[in-house]
Amino acid sequence: QLHLTMSEKNELTKSLEMVQKELQEKESEMKREISEYKDRLLQAEKEHQDALTEANQKNEVETEACRDKMNLLEHFISSQKLEIEHLKSNKEELNNSLKEANQTLEELLKTKVR
């Protein structure tokens, strides 16, 4: 009886050791997989952050270029408005000069007719 019990105990011990070994192997495998997933996640986060930084820099450059272009256009519009005002003023002066010349011409023609 004792021999049989010892034999069963030995078998159970071997079986327990095998189960423990399998569990340790599975735990090691799971830890390795978790480590791989963490590495992949970190890599994906880094790539995402890099892409985000690059997009932000590109947007900042484009925004600055648009600001510059807008400033140039505002300056151009302002100078065009000044030019229009200058031309209006010149036109007014020319119209006045033309009126004066026409009046002088009429007076000369009147004096010539008499």
Protein backbone atom coordinates (compact mmCIF):
# COMPACT_ATOMS: atom_id res chain seq x y z
CA GLN A 1 0.00 0.00 0.00
CA LEU A 2 2.80 2.36 0.98
CA HIS A 3 4.67 1.53 -2.22
CA LEU A 4 1.56 2.21 -4.29
CA THR A 5 0.94 5.50 -2.49
CA MET A 6 4.56 6.55 -2.98
CA SER A 7 4.35 5.67 -6.62
CA GLU A 8 1.16 7.74 -7.03
CA LYS A 9 2.82 10.56 -5.13
CA ASN A 10 5.80 10.45 -7.50
CA GLU A 11 3.50 10.47 -10.52
CA LEU A 12 1.49 13.35 -9.12
CA THR A 13 4.70 15.24 -8.34
CA LYS A 14 5.95 14.68 -11.91
CA SER A 15 2.58 15.72 -13.27
CA LEU A 16 2.56 18.82 -11.06
CA GLU A 17 6.10 19.71 -12.16
CA MET A 18 5.07 19.33 -15.82
CA VAL A 19 2.02 21.53 -15.29
CA GLN A 20 4.16 24.11 -13.46
CA LYS A 21 6.72 24.02 -16.27
CA GLU A 22 3.98 24.52 -18.88
CA LEU A 23 2.54 27.41 -16.88
CA GLN A 24 5.99 29.02 -16.60
CA GLU A 25 6.51 28.62 -20.35
CA LYS A 26 3.10 30.14 -21.06
CA GLU A 27 3.81 32.99 -18.63
CA SER A 28 7.16 33.65 -20.31
CA GLU A 29 5.50 33.58 -23.75
CA MET A 30 2.78 35.97 -22.57
CA LYS A 31 5.35 38.33 -21.04
CA ARG A 32 7.30 38.27 -24.31
CA GLU A 33 4.13 39.02 -26.31
CA ILE A 34 3.16 41.83 -23.92
CA SER A 35 6.62 43.29 -24.31
CA GLU A 36 6.34 43.10 -28.11
CA TYR A 37 2.91 44.78 -28.04
CA LYS A 38 4.24 47.52 -25.77
CA ASP A 39 7.16 48.07 -28.16
CA ARG A 40 4.78 48.22 -31.13
CA LEU A 41 2.50 50.61 -29.28
CA LEU A 42 5.41 52.89 -28.38
CA GLN A 43 6.60 52.81 -31.98
CA ALA A 44 3.11 53.62 -33.28
CA GLU A 45 2.76 56.47 -30.77
CA LYS A 46 6.15 57.85 -31.81
CA GLU A 47 5.25 57.65 -35.51
CA HIS A 48 1.91 59.32 -34.80
CA GLN A 49 3.58 62.09 -32.80
CA ASP A 50 6.21 62.59 -35.53
CA ALA A 51 3.48 62.82 -38.19
CA LEU A 52 1.52 65.25 -36.04
CA THR A 53 4.60 67.43 -35.46
CA GLU A 54 5.40 67.41 -39.17
CA ALA A 55 1.81 68.32 -40.08
CA ASN A 56 1.82 71.14 -37.52
CA GLN A 57 5.10 72.50 -38.87
CA LYS A 58 3.80 72.32 -42.44
CA ASN A 59 0.59 74.08 -41.44
CA GLU A 60 2.57 76.77 -39.63
CA VAL A 61 4.72 77.36 -42.73
CA GLU A 62 1.61 77.51 -44.96
CA THR A 63 -0.14 79.84 -42.52
CA GLU A 64 2.88 82.15 -42.45
CA ALA A 65 3.05 82.12 -46.25
CA CYS A 66 -0.65 83.04 -46.40
CA ARG A 67 -0.11 85.84 -43.89
CA ASP A 68 2.76 87.18 -45.99
CA LYS A 69 0.68 86.96 -49.17
CA MET A 70 -2.25 88.69 -47.44
CA ASN A 71 0.04 91.48 -46.21
CA LEU A 72 1.41 91.94 -49.72
CA LEU A 73 -2.12 92.07 -51.15
CA GLU A 74 -3.22 94.57 -48.51
CA HIS A 75 -0.21 96.74 -49.31
CA PHE A 76 -0.96 96.44 -53.05
CA ILE A 77 -4.62 97.36 -52.50
CA SER A 78 -3.61 100.32 -50.37
CA SER A 79 -1.18 101.56 -53.01
CA GLN A 80 -3.84 101.07 -55.70
CA LYS A 81 -6.32 103.13 -53.66
CA LEU A 82 -3.73 105.89 -53.36
CA GLU A 83 -3.09 105.70 -57.10
CA ILE A 84 -6.84 105.93 -57.79
CA GLU A 85 -7.13 108.99 -55.54
CA HIS A 86 -4.14 110.54 -57.28
CA LEU A 87 -5.66 109.87 -60.71
CA LYS A 88 -9.01 111.29 -59.60
CA SER A 89 -7.24 114.40 -58.40
CA ASN A 90 -5.34 114.70 -61.69
CA LYS A 91 -8.57 114.20 -63.63
CA GLU A 92 -10.23 116.96 -61.62
CA GLU A 93 -7.30 119.29 -62.28
CA LEU A 94 -7.35 118.44 -65.98
CA ASN A 95 -11.11 118.99 -66.15
CA ASN A 96 -10.70 122.37 -64.47
CA SER A 97 -7.87 123.29 -66.83
CA LEU A 98 -9.99 122.18 -69.80
CA LYS A 99 -12.91 124.30 -68.59
CA GLU A 100 -10.62 127.29 -68.21
CA ALA A 101 -9.13 126.69 -71.66
CA ASN A 102 -12.62 126.39 -73.18
CA GLN A 103 -13.72 129.62 -71.47
CA THR A 104 -10.60 131.38 -72.70
CA LEU A 105 -11.22 129.99 -76.19
CA GLU A 106 -14.85 131.20 -76.12
CA GLU A 107 -13.73 134.64 -74.98
CA LEU A 108 -11.11 134.79 -77.74
CA LEU A 109 -13.66 133.67 -80.30
CA LYS A 110 -16.13 136.31 -79.04
CA THR A 111 -13.47 139.02 -79.25
CA LYS A 112 -12.45 137.83 -82.69
CA VAL A 113 -16.06 137.90 -83.92
CA ARG A 114 -16.52 141.55 -82.79
